[in-house]
Amino acid sequence: MLMVCHHLNPRVPEDLAFAESRIRATTIAAEDVLHDIGALSITSSDAQAMGRIGEVVCRTWQVAHVMKQRFGDRGSELP
């Protein structure tokens, strides 16, 4: 996605180097935790009507699954 958004060419070594410099594993790992605890929203449809509700639902269930694995079954905590 980074290559497309910045109009980079994967055949140009400088473009590849730029893209690789922007991808940081530690930042991605930290974002994963923040996403999983709900500090950052990742379940949304884009504003240009390109998103699909099915993708939003699927991603919501994926996040719930990861949270259950990391933090355990919360049971019936809702009133």
C-alpha atoms as a PDB file:
ATOM      1  CA  MET A   1       0.000   0.000   0.000  1.00  0.00           C
ATOM      2  CA  LEU A   2       2.860   2.369   0.781  1.00  0.00           C
ATOM      3  CA  MET A   3       4.270   1.907  -2.719  1.00  0.00           C
ATOM      4  CA  VAL A   4       0.902   2.702  -4.311  1.00  0.00           C
ATOM      5  CA  CYS A   5       0.059   5.692  -2.099  1.00  0.00           C
ATOM      6  CA  HIS A   6       3.419   7.331  -2.753  1.00  0.00           C
ATOM      7  CA  HIS A   7       3.432   6.413  -6.448  1.00  0.00           C
ATOM      8  CA  LEU A   8       6.637   4.408  -6.077  1.00  0.00           C
ATOM      9  CA  ASN A   9       8.027   1.998  -8.637  1.00  0.00           C
ATOM     10  CA  PRO A  10       9.104  -1.402  -7.259  1.00  0.00           C
ATOM     11  CA  ARG A  11      11.716  -1.630 -10.034  1.00  0.00           C
ATOM     12  CA  VAL A  12      13.538   1.497  -8.840  1.00  0.00           C
ATOM     13  CA  PRO A  13      16.050   0.676  -6.067  1.00  0.00           C
ATOM     14  CA  GLU A  14      15.661   4.102  -4.427  1.00  0.00           C
ATOM     15  CA  ASP A  15      11.878   3.690  -4.255  1.00  0.00           C
ATOM     16  CA  LEU A  16      12.276   0.270  -2.656  1.00  0.00           C
ATOM     17  CA  ALA A  17      14.786   1.639  -0.154  1.00  0.00           C
ATOM     18  CA  PHE A  18      12.368   4.430   0.783  1.00  0.00           C
ATOM     19  CA  ALA A  19       9.496   1.975   1.254  1.00  0.00           C
ATOM     20  CA  GLU A  20      11.618  -0.366   3.371  1.00  0.00           C
ATOM     21  CA  SER A  21      12.765   2.543   5.552  1.00  0.00           C
ATOM     22  CA  ARG A  22       9.129   3.393   6.341  1.00  0.00           C
ATOM     23  CA  ILE A  23       8.226  -0.095   7.566  1.00  0.00           C
ATOM     24  CA  ARG A  24       9.244  -0.534  11.197  1.00  0.00           C
ATOM     25  CA  ALA A  25       8.511  -3.883  12.836  1.00  0.00           C
ATOM     26  CA  THR A  26       8.556  -2.454  16.376  1.00  0.00           C
ATOM     27  CA  THR A  27       6.046   0.252  15.476  1.00  0.00           C
ATOM     28  CA  ILE A  28       3.771  -2.268  13.796  1.00  0.00           C
ATOM     29  CA  ALA A  29       3.959  -4.533  16.860  1.00  0.00           C
ATOM     30  CA  ALA A  30       3.075  -1.634  19.169  1.00  0.00           C
ATOM     31  CA  GLU A  31       0.164  -0.652  16.937  1.00  0.00           C
ATOM     32  CA  ASP A  32      -1.128  -4.238  17.045  1.00  0.00           C
ATOM     33  CA  VAL A  33      -1.389  -4.086  20.832  1.00  0.00           C
ATOM     34  CA  LEU A  34      -3.070  -0.665  20.747  1.00  0.00           C
ATOM     35  CA  HIS A  35      -5.521  -1.889  18.120  1.00  0.00           C
ATOM     36  CA  ASP A  36      -6.295  -5.006  20.135  1.00  0.00           C
ATOM     37  CA  ILE A  37      -7.094  -3.130  23.340  1.00  0.00           C
ATOM     38  CA  GLY A  38      -9.282  -0.675  21.448  1.00  0.00           C
ATOM     39  CA  ALA A  39      -7.032   2.361  21.798  1.00  0.00           C
ATOM     40  CA  LEU A  40      -6.899   2.737  18.002  1.00  0.00           C
ATOM     41  CA  SER A  41      -9.843   2.051  15.755  1.00  0.00           C
ATOM     42  CA  ILE A  42      -9.288  -0.323  12.854  1.00  0.00           C
ATOM     43  CA  THR A  43     -12.832  -1.380  12.145  1.00  0.00           C
ATOM     44  CA  SER A  44     -14.230   1.206   9.788  1.00  0.00           C
ATOM     45  CA  SER A  45     -15.304   1.634   6.212  1.00  0.00           C
ATOM     46  CA  ASP A  46     -13.508   4.296   4.202  1.00  0.00           C
ATOM     47  CA  ALA A  47     -15.167   7.608   3.465  1.00  0.00           C
ATOM     48  CA  GLN A  48     -15.023   7.202  -0.316  1.00  0.00           C
ATOM     49  CA  ALA A  49     -17.548   4.334  -0.374  1.00  0.00           C
ATOM     50  CA  MET A  50     -14.895   1.842  -1.413  1.00  0.00           C
ATOM     51  CA  GLY A  51     -15.032  -0.093   1.855  1.00  0.00           C
ATOM     52  CA  ARG A  52     -17.396  -2.981   2.187  1.00  0.00           C
ATOM     53  CA  ILE A  53     -19.498  -3.672   5.261  1.00  0.00           C
ATOM     54  CA  GLY A  54     -18.557  -7.342   4.985  1.00  0.00           C
ATOM     55  CA  GLU A  55     -14.898  -6.417   5.419  1.00  0.00           C
ATOM     56  CA  VAL A  56     -15.727  -4.341   8.490  1.00  0.00           C
ATOM     57  CA  VAL A  57     -17.669  -7.216  10.038  1.00  0.00           C
ATOM     58  CA  CYS A  58     -14.916  -9.712   9.203  1.00  0.00           C
ATOM     59  CA  ARG A  59     -12.198  -7.480  10.694  1.00  0.00           C
ATOM     60  CA  THR A  60     -14.289  -6.899  13.820  1.00  0.00           C
ATOM     61  CA  TRP A  61     -14.564 -10.652  14.411  1.00  0.00           C
ATOM     62  CA  GLN A  62     -10.833 -11.089  13.726  1.00  0.00           C
ATOM     63  CA  VAL A  63      -9.975  -8.456  16.336  1.00  0.00           C
ATOM     64  CA  ALA A  64     -12.348 -10.071  18.836  1.00  0.00           C
ATOM     65  CA  HIS A  65     -10.672 -13.432  18.253  1.00  0.00           C
ATOM     66  CA  VAL A  66      -7.187 -11.993  18.832  1.00  0.00           C
ATOM     67  CA  MET A  67      -8.354 -10.218  21.997  1.00  0.00           C
ATOM     68  CA  LYS A  68      -9.869 -13.450  23.322  1.00  0.00           C
ATOM     69  CA  GLN A  69      -6.588 -15.283  22.667  1.00  0.00           C
ATOM     70  CA  ARG A  70      -4.452 -12.594  24.320  1.00  0.00           C
ATOM     71  CA  PHE A  71      -6.665 -11.615  27.230  1.00  0.00           C
ATOM     72  CA  GLY A  72      -8.847 -14.686  27.744  1.00  0.00           C
ATOM     73  CA  ASP A  73     -12.574 -15.242  27.626  1.00  0.00           C
ATOM     74  CA  ARG A  74     -14.266 -12.347  29.398  1.00  0.00           C
ATOM     75  CA  GLY A  75     -17.417 -14.358  29.933  1.00  0.00           C
ATOM     76  CA  SER A  76     -20.661 -12.502  30.329  1.00  0.00           C
ATOM     77  CA  GLU A  77     -19.445  -9.214  31.816  1.00  0.00           C
ATOM     78  CA  LEU A  78     -22.137  -7.137  30.174  1.00  0.00           C
ATOM     79  CA  PRO A  79     -25.164  -6.270  32.313  1.00  0.00           C
END
